[in-house]
């Protein structure tokens, strides 16, 4: 687990998932929670270094 942010029925989690033979993946997930249950989730997956930062954004980001 890299990070969790939650509040008022919404949560966001960031995780790193190692996979032997394939490499490491990172995922960020957006969760909606009602009555203690997850009722909706959306995930975005990538691999570190797979999506290089655009040159115009370099001053605002740090490599992970």
C-alpha atoms as a PDB file:
ATOM      1  CA  UNK A   1       0.000   0.000   0.000  1.00  0.00           C
ATOM      2  CA  UNK A   2       1.413   3.350  -1.004  1.00  0.00           C
ATOM      3  CA  UNK A   3      -1.379   5.622   0.212  1.00  0.00           C
ATOM      4  CA  UNK A   4      -5.064   5.796   1.177  1.00  0.00           C
ATOM      5  CA  UNK A   5      -7.171   8.955   1.306  1.00  0.00           C
ATOM      6  CA  UNK A   6     -10.774   8.708   2.509  1.00  0.00           C
ATOM      7  CA  UNK A   7     -13.700  10.813   3.553  1.00  0.00           C
ATOM      8  CA  UNK A   8     -17.505  10.952   3.456  1.00  0.00           C
ATOM      9  CA  UNK A   9     -18.224   7.793   1.461  1.00  0.00           C
ATOM     10  CA  UNK A  10     -15.298   8.103  -0.949  1.00  0.00           C
ATOM     11  CA  UNK A  11     -11.814   6.611  -0.824  1.00  0.00           C
ATOM     12  CA  UNK A  12      -8.744   6.562  -3.045  1.00  0.00           C
ATOM     13  CA  UNK A  13      -5.975   3.982  -2.729  1.00  0.00           C
ATOM     14  CA  UNK A  14      -2.588   3.754  -4.389  1.00  0.00           C
ATOM     15  CA  UNK A  15      -0.822   0.396  -4.455  1.00  0.00           C
ATOM     16  CA  UNK A  16       2.262  -1.201  -5.947  1.00  0.00           C
ATOM     17  CA  UNK A  17       1.821  -4.764  -7.204  1.00  0.00           C
ATOM     18  CA  UNK A  18       4.958  -6.851  -7.872  1.00  0.00           C
ATOM     19  CA  UNK A  19       4.514  -9.647 -10.390  1.00  0.00           C
ATOM     20  CA  UNK A  20       7.286 -12.200 -10.721  1.00  0.00           C
ATOM     21  CA  UNK A  21       8.568 -12.448 -14.273  1.00  0.00           C
ATOM     22  CA  UNK A  22       6.536  -9.490 -15.536  1.00  0.00           C
ATOM     23  CA  UNK A  23       7.567  -6.594 -13.312  1.00  0.00           C
ATOM     24  CA  UNK A  24       5.990  -4.114 -10.974  1.00  0.00           C
ATOM     25  CA  UNK A  25       2.674  -2.415 -11.588  1.00  0.00           C
ATOM     26  CA  UNK A  26       1.085   0.563  -9.866  1.00  0.00           C
ATOM     27  CA  UNK A  27      -2.641   1.101  -9.496  1.00  0.00           C
ATOM     28  CA  UNK A  28      -4.805   3.909  -8.206  1.00  0.00           C
ATOM     29  CA  UNK A  29      -8.380   3.036  -7.268  1.00  0.00           C
ATOM     30  CA  UNK A  30     -11.369   5.273  -6.618  1.00  0.00           C
ATOM     31  CA  UNK A  31     -13.999   3.722  -4.340  1.00  0.00           C
ATOM     32  CA  UNK A  32     -17.530   4.721  -3.370  1.00  0.00           C
ATOM     33  CA  UNK A  33     -18.696   3.297  -0.042  1.00  0.00           C
ATOM     34  CA  UNK A  34     -22.306   3.130   1.205  1.00  0.00           C
ATOM     35  CA  UNK A  35     -23.379   1.498   4.476  1.00  0.00           C
ATOM     36  CA  UNK A  36     -19.909  -0.002   4.959  1.00  0.00           C
ATOM     37  CA  UNK A  37     -19.810  -1.675   1.528  1.00  0.00           C
ATOM     38  CA  UNK A  38     -17.996  -0.786  -1.659  1.00  0.00           C
ATOM     39  CA  UNK A  39     -20.678  -0.005  -4.237  1.00  0.00           C
ATOM     40  CA  UNK A  40     -18.482   1.322  -7.036  1.00  0.00           C
ATOM     41  CA  UNK A  41     -14.830   1.203  -7.996  1.00  0.00           C
ATOM     42  CA  UNK A  42     -12.670   2.463 -10.846  1.00  0.00           C
ATOM     43  CA  UNK A  43      -8.998   1.480 -11.225  1.00  0.00           C
ATOM     44  CA  UNK A  44      -6.166   2.763 -13.375  1.00  0.00           C
ATOM     45  CA  UNK A  45      -3.030   0.603 -13.829  1.00  0.00           C
ATOM     46  CA  UNK A  46       0.420   1.361 -15.208  1.00  0.00           C
ATOM     47  CA  UNK A  47       4.042   0.303 -14.873  1.00  0.00           C
ATOM     48  CA  UNK A  48       6.683   2.651 -13.437  1.00  0.00           C
ATOM     49  CA  UNK A  49       8.369   4.438 -16.333  1.00  0.00           C
ATOM     50  CA  UNK A  50       5.786   3.265 -18.882  1.00  0.00           C
ATOM     51  CA  UNK A  51       4.205   6.687 -19.243  1.00  0.00           C
ATOM     52  CA  UNK A  52       6.952   9.298 -19.521  1.00  0.00           C
ATOM     53  CA  UNK A  53       6.103  12.785 -18.344  1.00  0.00           C
ATOM     54  CA  UNK A  54       5.603  15.351 -21.099  1.00  0.00           C
ATOM     55  CA  UNK A  55       8.384  17.952 -21.383  1.00  0.00           C
ATOM     56  CA  UNK A  56       5.982  20.805 -20.533  1.00  0.00           C
ATOM     57  CA  UNK A  57       5.158  19.148 -17.191  1.00  0.00           C
ATOM     58  CA  UNK A  58       8.752  18.322 -16.142  1.00  0.00           C
ATOM     59  CA  UNK A  59       9.051  21.337 -13.854  1.00  0.00           C
ATOM     60  CA  UNK A  60       6.001  20.187 -11.857  1.00  0.00           C
ATOM     61  CA  UNK A  61       6.811  16.481 -11.379  1.00  0.00           C
ATOM     62  CA  UNK A  62       9.488  14.188  -9.979  1.00  0.00           C
ATOM     63  CA  UNK A  63      10.307  10.748 -11.420  1.00  0.00           C
ATOM     64  CA  UNK A  64       9.017   7.888  -9.268  1.00  0.00           C
END
